[in-house]
């Protein structure tokens, strides 16, 4: 569970939170909440849907 984090990637990373395998944790999936923020990321906050 990812909640309330702030990241500044300085323009050198794609995602602040990158989930690499959702199939291995289908019973207890990673959850990225909208309370996380990122600046200077190449692709954004995360590569999975964000939970409000």
N, C-alpha and C. Protein backbone atom coordinates (compact mmCIF):
# COMPACT_ATOMS: atom_id res chain seq x y z
N UNK A 1 0.85 -1.16 0.00
CA UNK A 1 0.00 0.00 0.00
C UNK A 1 0.90 1.23 0.00
N UNK A 2 0.65 2.11 -0.93
CA UNK A 2 1.41 3.36 -1.07
C UNK A 2 0.46 4.52 -0.80
N UNK A 3 0.78 5.32 0.22
CA UNK A 3 -0.12 6.41 0.60
C UNK A 3 0.70 7.57 1.19
N UNK A 4 0.41 8.79 0.73
CA UNK A 4 0.98 10.00 1.32
C UNK A 4 2.46 10.23 1.07
N UNK A 5 2.99 9.74 -0.02
CA UNK A 5 4.41 9.93 -0.34
C UNK A 5 4.58 11.09 -1.31
N UNK A 6 5.70 11.81 -1.20
CA UNK A 6 6.05 12.86 -2.15
C UNK A 6 7.40 12.52 -2.75
N UNK A 7 7.50 12.60 -4.06
CA UNK A 7 8.73 12.27 -4.75
C UNK A 7 9.09 13.33 -5.78
N UNK A 8 10.38 13.59 -5.91
CA UNK A 8 10.91 14.43 -6.98
C UNK A 8 12.00 13.60 -7.65
N UNK A 9 11.73 13.14 -8.86
CA UNK A 9 12.67 12.26 -9.55
C UNK A 9 13.76 13.01 -10.29
N UNK A 10 13.69 14.32 -10.29
CA UNK A 10 14.75 15.10 -10.91
C UNK A 10 14.90 14.88 -12.40
N UNK A 11 13.87 14.37 -13.04
CA UNK A 11 13.90 14.15 -14.48
C UNK A 11 14.66 12.91 -14.93
N UNK A 12 15.04 12.04 -13.99
CA UNK A 12 15.83 10.87 -14.38
C UNK A 12 15.08 9.54 -14.27
N UNK A 13 13.84 9.57 -13.83
CA UNK A 13 13.09 8.32 -13.71
C UNK A 13 11.76 8.40 -14.42
N UNK A 14 11.21 7.23 -14.74
CA UNK A 14 9.93 7.19 -15.43
C UNK A 14 8.76 7.33 -14.45
N UNK A 15 8.72 6.48 -13.42
CA UNK A 15 7.63 6.47 -12.45
C UNK A 15 8.19 6.58 -11.03
N UNK A 16 7.44 7.23 -10.15
CA UNK A 16 7.81 7.25 -8.73
C UNK A 16 7.56 5.88 -8.12
N UNK A 17 6.45 5.25 -8.52
CA UNK A 17 6.09 3.92 -8.02
C UNK A 17 5.81 3.04 -9.24
N UNK A 18 6.69 2.10 -9.50
CA UNK A 18 6.51 1.22 -10.66
C UNK A 18 6.26 -0.20 -10.15
N UNK A 19 5.08 -0.71 -10.44
CA UNK A 19 4.71 -2.07 -10.06
C UNK A 19 5.13 -2.98 -11.20
N UNK A 20 6.01 -3.93 -10.92
CA UNK A 20 6.56 -4.75 -11.99
C UNK A 20 5.80 -6.05 -12.25
N UNK A 21 5.07 -6.55 -11.26
CA UNK A 21 4.32 -7.79 -11.49
C UNK A 21 3.07 -7.80 -10.64
N UNK A 22 1.93 -7.62 -11.26
CA UNK A 22 0.68 -7.68 -10.51
C UNK A 22 0.17 -9.11 -10.38
N UNK A 23 0.60 -10.01 -11.25
CA UNK A 23 0.12 -11.40 -11.20
C UNK A 23 0.63 -12.15 -9.98
N UNK A 24 1.77 -11.78 -9.45
CA UNK A 24 2.34 -12.47 -8.29
C UNK A 24 1.67 -12.07 -6.98
N UNK A 25 0.88 -11.00 -7.01
CA UNK A 25 0.25 -10.55 -5.76
C UNK A 25 -1.25 -10.32 -5.97
N UNK A 26 -1.89 -11.14 -6.76
CA UNK A 26 -3.31 -10.93 -7.08
C UNK A 26 -4.21 -11.07 -5.86
N UNK A 27 -3.82 -11.86 -4.88
CA UNK A 27 -4.64 -12.02 -3.68
C UNK A 27 -4.53 -10.81 -2.74
N UNK A 28 -3.42 -10.11 -2.80
CA UNK A 28 -3.17 -8.94 -1.96
C UNK A 28 -2.44 -7.90 -2.81
N UNK A 29 -3.16 -7.25 -3.73
CA UNK A 29 -2.51 -6.38 -4.72
C UNK A 29 -1.91 -5.11 -4.14
N UNK A 30 -0.94 -4.57 -4.83
CA UNK A 30 -0.39 -3.26 -4.50
C UNK A 30 -1.46 -2.21 -4.76
N UNK A 31 -1.58 -1.24 -3.87
CA UNK A 31 -2.55 -0.16 -4.02
C UNK A 31 -1.79 1.15 -3.95
N UNK A 32 -1.96 2.00 -4.97
CA UNK A 32 -1.34 3.31 -5.00
C UNK A 32 -2.45 4.34 -4.87
N UNK A 33 -2.43 5.11 -3.79
CA UNK A 33 -3.46 6.10 -3.53
C UNK A 33 -3.12 7.45 -4.14
N UNK A 34 -4.15 8.23 -4.43
CA UNK A 34 -4.00 9.55 -5.04
C UNK A 34 -3.32 10.55 -4.11
N UNK A 35 -3.14 10.21 -2.85
CA UNK A 35 -2.45 11.12 -1.92
C UNK A 35 -0.95 11.16 -2.17
N UNK A 36 -0.44 10.30 -3.03
CA UNK A 36 0.97 10.33 -3.44
C UNK A 36 1.15 11.40 -4.51
N UNK A 37 2.29 12.08 -4.50
CA UNK A 37 2.58 13.06 -5.54
C UNK A 37 3.99 12.85 -6.06
N UNK A 38 4.20 13.25 -7.31
CA UNK A 38 5.52 13.17 -7.91
C UNK A 38 5.72 14.38 -8.82
N UNK A 39 6.94 14.88 -8.84
CA UNK A 39 7.33 15.93 -9.78
C UNK A 39 8.55 15.45 -10.55
N UNK A 40 8.71 16.00 -11.73
CA UNK A 40 9.87 15.70 -12.58
C UNK A 40 10.05 14.22 -12.90
N UNK A 41 8.93 13.54 -13.10
CA UNK A 41 8.97 12.13 -13.50
C UNK A 41 8.70 12.06 -15.00
N UNK A 42 9.41 11.19 -15.68
CA UNK A 42 9.25 11.06 -17.12
C UNK A 42 7.87 10.59 -17.55
N UNK A 43 7.28 9.66 -16.77
CA UNK A 43 5.99 9.08 -17.15
C UNK A 43 4.86 9.33 -16.16
N UNK A 44 5.16 9.75 -14.96
CA UNK A 44 4.10 10.04 -13.99
C UNK A 44 4.28 9.33 -12.68
N UNK A 45 3.21 9.31 -11.91
CA UNK A 45 3.23 8.74 -10.58
C UNK A 45 3.45 7.23 -10.59
N UNK A 46 2.63 6.51 -11.36
CA UNK A 46 2.69 5.06 -11.33
C UNK A 46 2.20 4.47 -12.64
N UNK A 47 2.47 3.20 -12.84
CA UNK A 47 2.05 2.51 -14.05
C UNK A 47 0.80 1.66 -13.83
N UNK A 48 0.18 1.79 -12.66
CA UNK A 48 -1.06 1.08 -12.36
C UNK A 48 -2.15 2.11 -12.04
N UNK A 49 -3.42 1.74 -12.10
CA UNK A 49 -4.49 2.67 -11.76
C UNK A 49 -4.35 3.19 -10.33
N UNK A 50 -4.65 4.47 -10.14
CA UNK A 50 -4.56 5.11 -8.83
C UNK A 50 -5.92 5.02 -8.13
N UNK A 51 -5.90 4.71 -6.84
CA UNK A 51 -7.10 4.63 -6.03
C UNK A 51 -7.34 6.00 -5.38
N UNK A 52 -8.56 6.51 -5.46
CA UNK A 52 -8.83 7.84 -4.86
C UNK A 52 -8.56 7.90 -3.37
